[in-house]
Amino acid sequence: MFRSRPGLAAGALLLAATLGLTACGGSEDEPTEGADAKVLTLWHYETPDSAMGIAWNKAIELFKASHPGVEVKFEEKGFEQIQQNAQMILNSDSAPDILEYNKGNATAGLLSKQGLLTDLTDEFGKRGWDKKLSPSLQTTTKYDDDGIMGSGKVYGVPNYGEFVTVYYNKKLFEENKLAVPTTYEEFTKVLDTFVAKKQTPIAVGGAEYPAQQIFYELALSKSDRKFIDDYQLYKNKVDFKGPQLSYGAQTIADWVGKGYIAKDSAGLKAEDMGVSFTQGKFPILISGSWWYGRFASDIKDFEWGTFLFPGNTLHPGSSGNLWVVPEKSKAKALAYDFIDITMSPEVQALLGNSGGVPVAADPAQITDPKNRELVETFNKISQSDGLAFYPDWPAPGYYDVMVAATQGLISGKRTPDAFLDEIAKPYNENLADLGK
């Protein structure tokens, strides 16, 4: 999942002084809710050694320095734990004051529709967050009355980006005299080379999100922005048996048949997949930029690199997860101040130098060449409108549907046709519920 520049000490003091003046939020005539709170309860699910975990810990440190007398109660939660229980928790008196939450219609959109999240629209403009996020990154911050992203009020603020890329083992590529592929045809020739050597080329975790991201990469190879807007933003009806999704499903089945993907990977979790690549057991892994920092610290026995899925102009990716403020937060002003700190130059540079993808950092401040390349790649995708979000975003509960369906496709328990029917049903049911 997932190093400070000259003059940071002075920058930190300036930041602390600025925040000290604005800690209460709002003006004298317009007090901000929770301005007098002395406790900030904060949840996120980033591990301490990940880029985000490192950056958020620094943000907590800076927050404490600029808010003397305020206690930060931080609790690390699991992604699945928050994913499954957010509605119940945020609708109770146990809701935290601020938490990291997944973006998209099925998650942040659903909670905003249910009235569980604070409208951040005023703060978004007042604090200049709108100037730090490109238009494509702002897509995931806004939700309309139906909980559909892209327009409406602001309910969350991202401060990192993410995208799916191809990680490869340079040692194994060199041993087989393979160059980095630049087209889909060259990519399949690389895969065929490893299969001919009796080696499964792609590490996959079918029991969680990674497998569906490969399906989506394949579908995106036949897609344009109109399809993305129709599928993700409900602009027009989607034909699940059309050329995009049917190609993705059929090609996943074909890749299993050809030995590019192991059938038994259907039962493996994302962690299993990541560890197997770290151990050098697979030459290729297709997954998110959130693995970058971890691979940089954990892989000792071989050189590795990345390249975008060959031939694609659209890639799974978006802003990172959102900082959201529950409607029941008792310290909203403090929550806004914390978000401000995570968007500061110091924290953004630390995020980038730890292997993450900051949204408001100067690439010149990213000192590691590989980390700078990662940030520049994301900026290039974002600025060319190449972020296509993720396949499980459109409908509530769609993540579990996608995982189960893709597992079945890899294990052979579902045909491509049955897979498409399975993922179409809840999507279309959600459309009907919305009256679309």
Protein backbone atom coordinates (compact mmCIF):
# COMPACT_ATOMS: atom_id res chain seq x y z
CA MET A 1 0.00 0.00 0.00
CA PHE A 2 2.09 2.31 0.35
CA ARG A 3 10.90 10.58 2.13
CA SER A 4 11.52 16.34 3.66
CA ARG A 5 12.76 19.13 1.67
CA PRO A 6 15.15 21.99 2.68
CA GLY A 7 13.58 24.51 4.97
CA LEU A 8 10.91 22.18 6.33
CA ALA A 9 11.42 23.27 9.90
CA ALA A 10 10.58 26.84 9.01
CA GLY A 11 7.65 25.61 6.93
CA ALA A 12 6.32 23.61 9.84
CA LEU A 13 6.54 26.62 12.16
CA LEU A 14 4.74 28.78 9.63
CA LEU A 15 2.06 26.14 9.21
CA ALA A 16 1.64 25.81 12.96
CA ALA A 17 1.37 29.57 13.35
CA THR A 18 -1.21 29.79 10.57
CA LEU A 19 -3.27 26.98 12.01
CA GLY A 20 -3.00 28.47 15.46
CA LEU A 21 -4.82 31.52 14.13
CA THR A 22 -7.51 29.45 12.40
CA ALA A 23 -7.90 26.56 14.80
CA CYS A 24 -11.35 27.63 15.82
CA GLY A 25 -12.51 27.85 12.21
CA GLY A 26 -14.93 30.44 10.83
CA SER A 27 -15.10 34.08 11.87
CA GLU A 28 -16.12 35.82 15.09
CA ASP A 29 -19.60 36.31 13.66
CA GLU A 30 -19.81 32.78 12.29
CA PRO A 31 -18.58 30.23 14.83
CA THR A 32 -17.80 26.75 13.51
CA GLU A 33 -19.41 23.72 15.11
CA GLY A 34 -17.09 21.98 17.54
CA ALA A 35 -14.70 24.94 17.74
CA ASP A 36 -14.23 24.49 21.50
CA ALA A 37 -13.73 20.72 21.37
CA LYS A 38 -10.68 19.35 23.16
CA VAL A 39 -10.66 15.85 21.63
CA LEU A 40 -10.35 14.79 17.99
CA THR A 41 -11.24 11.16 17.33
CA LEU A 42 -9.66 9.99 14.08
CA TRP A 43 -9.87 6.70 12.21
CA HIS A 44 -7.97 5.45 9.19
CA TYR A 45 -6.90 2.07 7.84
CA GLU A 46 -3.35 2.74 6.59
CA THR A 47 -0.56 0.61 8.06
CA PRO A 48 2.21 2.58 9.87
CA ASP A 49 4.84 1.64 7.26
CA SER A 50 2.73 2.60 4.24
CA ALA A 51 3.21 5.99 2.57
CA MET A 52 -0.16 7.23 3.79
CA GLY A 53 0.41 5.85 7.28
CA ILE A 54 3.74 7.70 7.48
CA ALA A 55 2.19 10.91 6.19
CA TRP A 56 -0.89 10.78 8.40
CA ASN A 57 1.26 10.13 11.49
CA LYS A 58 3.24 13.26 10.60
CA ALA A 59 -0.02 15.16 10.15
CA ILE A 60 -1.13 14.08 13.63
CA GLU A 61 2.21 15.27 15.03
CA LEU A 62 1.79 18.68 13.32
CA PHE A 63 -1.82 18.90 14.45
CA LYS A 64 -0.86 18.34 18.08
CA ALA A 65 1.87 21.00 17.82
CA SER A 66 -0.57 23.57 16.43
CA HIS A 67 -3.45 22.63 18.77
CA PRO A 68 -2.01 22.54 22.31
CA GLY A 69 -4.50 21.15 24.77
CA VAL A 70 -6.31 19.05 22.15
CA GLU A 71 -6.08 15.29 22.51
CA VAL A 72 -6.00 13.15 19.35
CA LYS A 73 -7.60 9.76 19.82
CA PHE A 74 -6.37 7.78 16.81
CA GLU A 75 -7.71 4.32 16.05
CA GLU A 76 -6.42 2.19 13.17
CA LYS A 77 -9.26 0.24 11.58
CA GLY A 78 -9.27 -2.42 8.88
CA PHE A 79 -10.54 -1.51 5.42
CA GLU A 80 -13.12 -4.28 5.43
CA GLN A 81 -14.15 -3.35 8.99
CA ILE A 82 -15.05 0.19 7.99
CA GLN A 83 -16.50 -0.92 4.66
CA GLN A 84 -18.96 -3.27 6.31
CA ASN A 85 -19.91 -1.27 9.42
CA ALA A 86 -19.73 2.41 8.44
CA GLN A 87 -23.47 3.00 8.17
CA MET A 88 -24.17 1.56 11.60
CA ILE A 89 -21.24 3.34 13.29
CA LEU A 90 -21.78 6.74 11.70
CA ASN A 91 -25.45 6.64 12.67
CA SER A 92 -24.51 6.14 16.33
CA ASP A 93 -22.99 8.22 19.11
CA SER A 94 -19.77 6.22 18.61
CA ALA A 95 -19.01 7.99 15.33
CA PRO A 96 -15.48 9.41 15.10
CA ASP A 97 -14.91 13.09 14.31
CA ILE A 98 -13.05 12.34 11.08
CA LEU A 99 -12.24 9.15 9.21
CA GLU A 100 -10.78 7.83 5.99
CA TYR A 101 -13.48 6.34 3.81
CA ASN A 102 -13.75 4.82 0.37
CA LYS A 103 -14.90 7.06 -2.47
CA GLY A 104 -17.58 6.39 -5.06
CA ASN A 105 -21.33 5.94 -5.37
CA ALA A 106 -21.47 2.72 -3.37
CA THR A 107 -19.62 4.09 -0.36
CA ALA A 108 -19.23 7.84 0.27
CA GLY A 109 -22.13 8.50 -2.08
CA LEU A 110 -24.43 6.18 -0.17
CA LEU A 111 -23.52 7.71 3.20
CA SER A 112 -24.04 11.25 1.87
CA LYS A 113 -27.45 10.26 0.53
CA GLN A 114 -28.34 8.90 3.98
CA GLY A 115 -27.39 12.17 5.66
CA LEU A 116 -24.47 10.64 7.58
CA LEU A 117 -21.74 12.93 6.24
CA THR A 118 -21.12 16.66 6.77
CA ASP A 119 -21.44 18.96 3.75
CA LEU A 120 -17.91 20.33 3.23
CA THR A 121 -18.71 22.62 0.29
CA ASP A 122 -18.06 25.90 2.14
CA GLU A 123 -14.83 24.68 3.72
CA PHE A 124 -13.70 23.27 0.37
CA GLY A 125 -13.67 26.73 -1.16
CA LYS A 126 -12.78 28.72 1.97
CA ARG A 127 -9.62 26.70 2.66
CA GLY A 128 -8.52 26.50 -0.99
CA TRP A 129 -8.82 22.75 -1.34
CA ASP A 130 -10.61 23.33 -4.65
CA LYS A 131 -7.44 25.00 -6.01
CA LYS A 132 -5.25 22.02 -5.03
CA LEU A 133 -7.33 19.33 -6.74
CA SER A 134 -7.62 18.99 -10.52
CA PRO A 135 -11.15 18.77 -11.97
CA SER A 136 -10.85 15.02 -12.53
CA LEU A 137 -9.79 14.50 -8.91
CA GLN A 138 -12.74 16.54 -7.70
CA THR A 139 -15.14 14.04 -9.28
CA THR A 140 -14.98 11.82 -6.22
CA THR A 141 -15.50 14.67 -3.75
CA LYS A 142 -18.99 15.65 -4.93
CA TYR A 143 -22.28 13.74 -4.69
CA ASP A 144 -25.79 14.67 -5.74
CA ASP A 145 -29.01 13.93 -3.85
CA ASP A 146 -29.01 10.36 -5.20
CA GLY A 147 -25.44 9.78 -4.00
CA ILE A 148 -24.01 9.79 -7.53
CA MET A 149 -20.53 11.26 -7.76
CA GLY A 150 -19.40 14.06 -10.02
CA SER A 151 -21.80 16.86 -9.09
CA GLY A 152 -23.61 18.30 -6.10
CA LYS A 153 -22.18 19.04 -2.68
CA VAL A 154 -18.67 18.21 -1.42
CA TYR A 155 -18.67 15.42 1.15
CA GLY A 156 -15.02 14.36 1.25
CA VAL A 157 -11.48 15.55 0.55
CA PRO A 158 -8.74 13.35 -0.93
CA ASN A 159 -5.10 14.21 -0.44
CA TYR A 160 -3.44 11.44 -2.40
CA GLY A 161 -4.05 9.79 -5.73
CA GLU A 162 -3.92 6.23 -6.93
CA PHE A 163 -3.93 4.23 -10.14
CA VAL A 164 -3.49 0.67 -11.29
CA THR A 165 -0.19 -0.16 -12.94
CA VAL A 166 1.88 -3.20 -13.93
CA TYR A 167 4.72 -4.15 -11.57
CA TYR A 168 7.41 -6.36 -13.06
CA ASN A 169 10.46 -8.30 -11.86
CA LYS A 170 13.39 -6.90 -13.87
CA LYS A 171 15.56 -9.89 -13.03
CA LEU A 172 13.11 -12.37 -14.51
CA PHE A 173 12.55 -10.17 -17.56
CA GLU A 174 16.31 -9.91 -18.18
CA GLU A 175 16.83 -13.66 -17.74
CA ASN A 176 14.27 -14.21 -20.48
CA LYS A 177 15.61 -11.36 -22.68
CA LEU A 178 12.29 -9.52 -22.45
CA ALA A 179 11.78 -5.79 -22.96
CA VAL A 180 9.02 -3.75 -21.36
CA PRO A 181 5.99 -4.14 -23.66
CA THR A 182 4.43 -1.04 -25.17
CA THR A 183 1.46 -2.66 -26.92
CA TYR A 184 -1.09 -5.26 -25.89
CA GLU A 185 0.32 -7.69 -28.48
CA GLU A 186 3.82 -7.31 -27.03
CA PHE A 187 2.38 -7.85 -23.56
CA THR A 188 0.76 -11.17 -24.47
CA LYS A 189 4.04 -12.29 -26.07
CA VAL A 190 5.76 -11.61 -22.72
CA LEU A 191 3.09 -13.67 -20.96
CA ASP A 192 3.48 -16.50 -23.51
CA THR A 193 7.25 -16.53 -22.92
CA PHE A 194 6.81 -17.22 -19.21
CA VAL A 195 4.10 -19.83 -19.78
CA ALA A 196 6.47 -21.64 -22.19
CA LYS A 197 8.96 -21.77 -19.30
CA LYS A 198 6.28 -23.36 -17.08
CA GLN A 199 5.91 -20.20 -15.00
CA THR A 200 2.57 -18.54 -14.29
CA PRO A 201 3.29 -14.91 -15.19
CA ILE A 202 0.69 -12.90 -13.24
CA ALA A 203 0.27 -12.87 -9.46
CA VAL A 204 -3.44 -12.50 -8.67
CA GLY A 205 -5.56 -12.24 -5.54
CA GLY A 206 -9.00 -13.41 -6.64
CA ALA A 207 -10.61 -13.37 -3.20
CA GLU A 208 -10.38 -9.57 -2.97
CA TYR A 209 -10.10 -6.51 -5.24
CA PRO A 210 -7.05 -7.28 -7.46
CA ALA A 211 -8.71 -9.70 -9.92
CA GLN A 212 -11.57 -7.36 -10.78
CA GLN A 213 -9.03 -4.61 -11.53
CA ILE A 214 -7.47 -6.83 -14.22
CA PHE A 215 -10.95 -7.46 -15.65
CA TYR A 216 -11.51 -3.70 -15.73
CA GLU A 217 -8.12 -3.00 -17.38
CA LEU A 218 -9.15 -5.36 -20.16
CA ALA A 219 -12.57 -3.75 -20.51
CA LEU A 220 -10.94 -0.31 -20.61
CA SER A 221 -8.83 -1.39 -23.57
CA LYS A 222 -12.09 -1.26 -25.57
CA SER A 223 -13.54 1.82 -23.82
CA ASP A 224 -13.72 5.58 -24.18
CA ARG A 225 -14.77 8.42 -21.82
CA LYS A 226 -18.39 8.09 -22.88
CA PHE A 227 -18.50 4.49 -21.65
CA ILE A 228 -16.91 5.51 -18.34
CA ASP A 229 -19.46 8.30 -17.86
CA ASP A 230 -22.31 5.94 -18.68
CA TYR A 231 -21.07 3.14 -16.41
CA GLN A 232 -19.85 5.23 -13.47
CA LEU A 233 -22.03 8.36 -13.61
CA TYR A 234 -25.22 6.84 -15.08
CA LYS A 235 -25.24 9.19 -18.06
CA ASN A 236 -26.82 6.53 -20.30
CA LYS A 237 -27.82 2.86 -20.10
CA VAL A 238 -24.97 0.35 -20.16
CA ASP A 239 -25.04 -2.80 -22.26
CA PHE A 240 -23.32 -5.44 -20.15
CA LYS A 241 -23.07 -7.70 -23.19
CA GLY A 242 -21.50 -4.87 -25.19
CA PRO A 243 -17.91 -4.84 -26.49
CA GLN A 244 -16.27 -3.42 -23.35
CA LEU A 245 -17.42 -5.62 -20.47
CA SER A 246 -17.87 -8.76 -22.56
CA TYR A 247 -14.29 -8.45 -23.81
CA GLY A 248 -13.01 -8.11 -20.26
CA ALA A 249 -14.92 -11.17 -19.07
CA GLN A 250 -14.02 -13.37 -22.02
CA THR A 251 -10.36 -12.37 -21.89
CA ILE A 252 -10.05 -13.18 -18.18
CA ALA A 253 -11.40 -16.66 -18.95
CA ASP A 254 -9.01 -16.97 -21.89
CA TRP A 255 -6.06 -15.86 -19.74
CA VAL A 256 -6.84 -18.59 -17.21
CA GLY A 257 -7.05 -21.12 -20.04
CA LYS A 258 -3.71 -19.98 -21.46
CA GLY A 259 -2.01 -20.18 -18.07
CA TYR A 260 -1.47 -16.44 -17.65
CA ILE A 261 -3.50 -16.58 -14.43
CA ALA A 262 -3.57 -19.61 -12.11
CA LYS A 263 -7.01 -21.09 -11.48
CA ASP A 264 -6.20 -21.52 -7.77
CA SER A 265 -5.55 -17.78 -7.44
CA ALA A 266 -9.33 -17.42 -7.09
CA GLY A 267 -8.96 -18.20 -3.39
CA LEU A 268 -6.00 -15.92 -2.67
CA LYS A 269 -6.24 -12.55 -0.90
CA ALA A 270 -4.48 -9.36 -1.95
CA GLU A 271 -1.85 -9.84 0.77
CA ASP A 272 -1.03 -13.33 -0.56
CA MET A 273 -0.60 -11.85 -4.03
CA GLY A 274 1.68 -9.04 -2.81
CA VAL A 275 3.89 -11.33 -0.73
CA SER A 276 4.29 -13.79 -3.61
CA PHE A 277 5.55 -11.00 -5.88
CA THR A 278 7.85 -9.71 -3.13
CA GLN A 279 9.33 -13.20 -2.83
CA GLY A 280 10.07 -13.30 -6.58
CA LYS A 281 7.62 -16.09 -7.35
CA PHE A 282 5.85 -14.18 -10.14
CA PRO A 283 7.28 -11.88 -12.80
CA ILE A 284 4.20 -9.62 -13.00
CA LEU A 285 1.61 -8.11 -10.67
CA ILE A 286 -1.21 -5.83 -11.84
CA SER A 287 -2.54 -3.67 -9.03
CA GLY A 288 -2.56 -0.24 -7.45
CA SER A 289 0.08 2.38 -6.72
CA TRP A 290 -0.59 1.77 -3.00
CA TRP A 291 1.79 -1.24 -3.22
CA TYR A 292 4.67 0.94 -4.43
CA GLY A 293 6.06 2.07 -1.08
CA ARG A 294 5.81 -1.38 0.39
CA PHE A 295 7.61 -3.02 -2.51
CA ALA A 296 10.32 -0.35 -2.26
CA SER A 297 10.95 -1.28 1.37
CA ASP A 298 10.32 -5.05 1.24
CA ILE A 299 11.92 -6.24 -2.01
CA LYS A 300 15.64 -6.85 -1.43
CA ASP A 301 16.60 -9.65 -3.82
CA PHE A 302 15.76 -8.20 -7.24
CA GLU A 303 15.18 -4.96 -9.12
CA TRP A 304 11.61 -4.15 -10.07
CA GLY A 305 9.83 -1.52 -12.10
CA THR A 306 6.43 -0.47 -13.39
CA PHE A 307 4.68 0.29 -16.66
CA LEU A 308 1.12 1.22 -17.49
CA PHE A 309 -1.16 -1.46 -18.94
CA PRO A 310 0.07 -1.54 -22.55
CA GLY A 311 -2.16 0.10 -25.14
CA ASN A 312 -4.62 1.65 -22.68
CA THR A 313 -5.33 5.38 -22.49
CA LEU A 314 -7.80 4.84 -19.63
CA HIS A 315 -6.70 3.25 -16.36
CA PRO A 316 -8.39 2.22 -13.12
CA GLY A 317 -7.64 5.02 -10.69
CA SER A 318 -8.88 8.17 -9.07
CA SER A 319 -8.24 10.38 -6.14
CA GLY A 320 -7.36 8.35 -3.10
CA ASN A 321 -9.79 7.62 -0.33
CA LEU A 322 -11.54 10.58 1.25
CA TRP A 323 -11.31 12.30 4.59
CA VAL A 324 -14.96 12.57 5.58
CA VAL A 325 -16.49 14.27 8.61
CA PRO A 326 -19.49 12.40 10.05
CA GLU A 327 -22.60 14.50 10.61
CA LYS A 328 -22.45 13.38 14.26
CA SER A 329 -18.85 14.65 14.67
CA LYS A 330 -18.41 16.63 17.88
CA ALA A 331 -15.25 18.41 16.64
CA LYS A 332 -15.89 19.50 13.07
CA ALA A 333 -13.62 22.57 13.19
CA LEU A 334 -10.72 20.41 14.38
CA ALA A 335 -11.48 17.89 11.64
CA TYR A 336 -11.25 20.64 9.00
CA ASP A 337 -7.92 21.78 10.46
CA PHE A 338 -6.57 18.23 10.26
CA ILE A 339 -7.55 17.94 6.61
CA ASP A 340 -5.76 21.24 5.98
CA ILE A 341 -2.56 19.81 7.47
CA THR A 342 -2.69 16.71 5.26
CA MET A 343 -2.84 19.06 2.25
CA SER A 344 0.19 21.08 3.44
CA PRO A 345 3.46 21.10 1.42
CA GLU A 346 5.32 19.27 4.20
CA VAL A 347 2.92 16.35 4.46
CA GLN A 348 2.40 16.17 0.70
CA ALA A 349 6.17 15.99 0.08
CA LEU A 350 6.57 13.34 2.79
CA LEU A 351 3.80 11.33 1.18
CA GLY A 352 5.54 11.44 -2.19
CA ASN A 353 8.96 10.63 -0.75
CA SER A 354 7.48 7.62 1.04
CA GLY A 355 6.17 6.05 -2.17
CA GLY A 356 2.70 7.56 -2.27
CA VAL A 357 1.03 9.79 -4.85
CA PRO A 358 0.39 13.27 -3.41
CA VAL A 359 -2.19 15.49 -5.10
CA ALA A 360 -0.69 18.86 -4.10
CA ALA A 361 3.08 18.33 -4.05
CA ASP A 362 5.77 19.92 -6.21
CA PRO A 363 7.38 16.95 -8.08
CA ALA A 364 10.73 18.75 -7.66
CA GLN A 365 10.44 18.10 -3.91
CA ILE A 366 10.23 14.32 -4.47
CA THR A 367 13.85 13.31 -4.03
CA ASP A 368 13.76 9.61 -4.97
CA PRO A 369 13.81 9.16 -8.79
CA LYS A 370 11.44 6.17 -8.71
CA ASN A 371 8.98 7.94 -6.44
CA ARG A 372 9.13 11.05 -8.64
CA GLU A 373 8.41 8.88 -11.68
CA LEU A 374 5.35 7.47 -9.91
CA VAL A 375 4.01 10.94 -9.16
CA GLU A 376 4.71 12.19 -12.68
CA THR A 377 2.93 9.18 -14.16
CA PHE A 378 -0.15 9.86 -12.06
CA ASN A 379 -0.11 13.56 -12.98
CA LYS A 380 0.09 12.63 -16.65
CA ILE A 381 -2.90 10.28 -16.38
CA SER A 382 -4.92 12.78 -14.38
CA GLN A 383 -4.19 15.74 -16.66
CA SER A 384 -5.12 13.72 -19.76
CA ASP A 385 -8.46 12.69 -18.25
CA GLY A 386 -7.30 9.08 -18.10
CA LEU A 387 -8.67 8.11 -14.68
CA ALA A 388 -11.50 5.62 -15.11
CA PHE A 389 -12.33 4.95 -11.43
CA TYR A 390 -12.98 1.32 -10.35
CA PRO A 391 -15.41 -1.38 -11.50
CA ASP A 392 -17.08 -1.85 -8.11
CA TRP A 393 -18.05 1.81 -7.61
CA PRO A 394 -21.43 2.27 -9.27
CA ALA A 395 -23.82 0.51 -6.88
CA PRO A 396 -24.09 -0.18 -3.13
CA GLY A 397 -22.75 -3.63 -2.27
CA TYR A 398 -21.15 -3.93 -5.71
CA TYR A 399 -17.67 -4.69 -4.33
CA ASP A 400 -18.78 -8.05 -2.93
CA VAL A 401 -20.67 -8.84 -6.13
CA MET A 402 -17.59 -8.13 -8.24
CA VAL A 403 -15.30 -10.20 -6.01
CA ALA A 404 -17.59 -13.24 -6.06
CA ALA A 405 -18.26 -13.02 -9.78
CA THR A 406 -14.58 -12.63 -10.70
CA GLN A 407 -13.64 -15.50 -8.40
CA GLY A 408 -16.12 -17.68 -10.26
CA LEU A 409 -14.74 -16.59 -13.61
CA ILE A 410 -11.18 -17.52 -12.59
CA SER A 411 -12.12 -20.82 -10.96
CA GLY A 412 -14.25 -21.83 -13.95
CA LYS A 413 -17.47 -21.95 -11.95
CA ARG A 414 -18.94 -19.10 -14.04
CA THR A 415 -18.91 -18.62 -17.78
CA PRO A 416 -18.20 -15.13 -19.11
CA ASP A 417 -21.91 -14.85 -19.95
CA ALA A 418 -22.97 -15.83 -16.44
CA PHE A 419 -20.41 -13.40 -15.00
CA LEU A 420 -21.90 -10.54 -17.00
CA ASP A 421 -25.44 -11.44 -15.95
CA GLU A 422 -24.35 -11.56 -12.32
CA ILE A 423 -22.78 -8.11 -12.31
CA ALA A 424 -25.56 -6.58 -14.42
CA LYS A 425 -28.38 -7.50 -12.02
CA PRO A 426 -27.50 -5.33 -8.96
CA TYR A 427 -26.32 -2.51 -11.22
CA ASN A 428 -29.66 -2.36 -13.01
CA GLU A 429 -31.60 -2.82 -9.78
CA ASN A 430 -29.83 0.25 -8.38
CA LEU A 431 -30.74 2.20 -11.51
CA ALA A 432 -34.37 1.22 -11.02
CA ASP A 433 -34.27 2.30 -7.36
CA LEU A 434 -33.01 5.70 -8.51
CA GLY A 435 -35.81 5.93 -11.06
CA LYS A 436 -33.39 5.96 -13.99
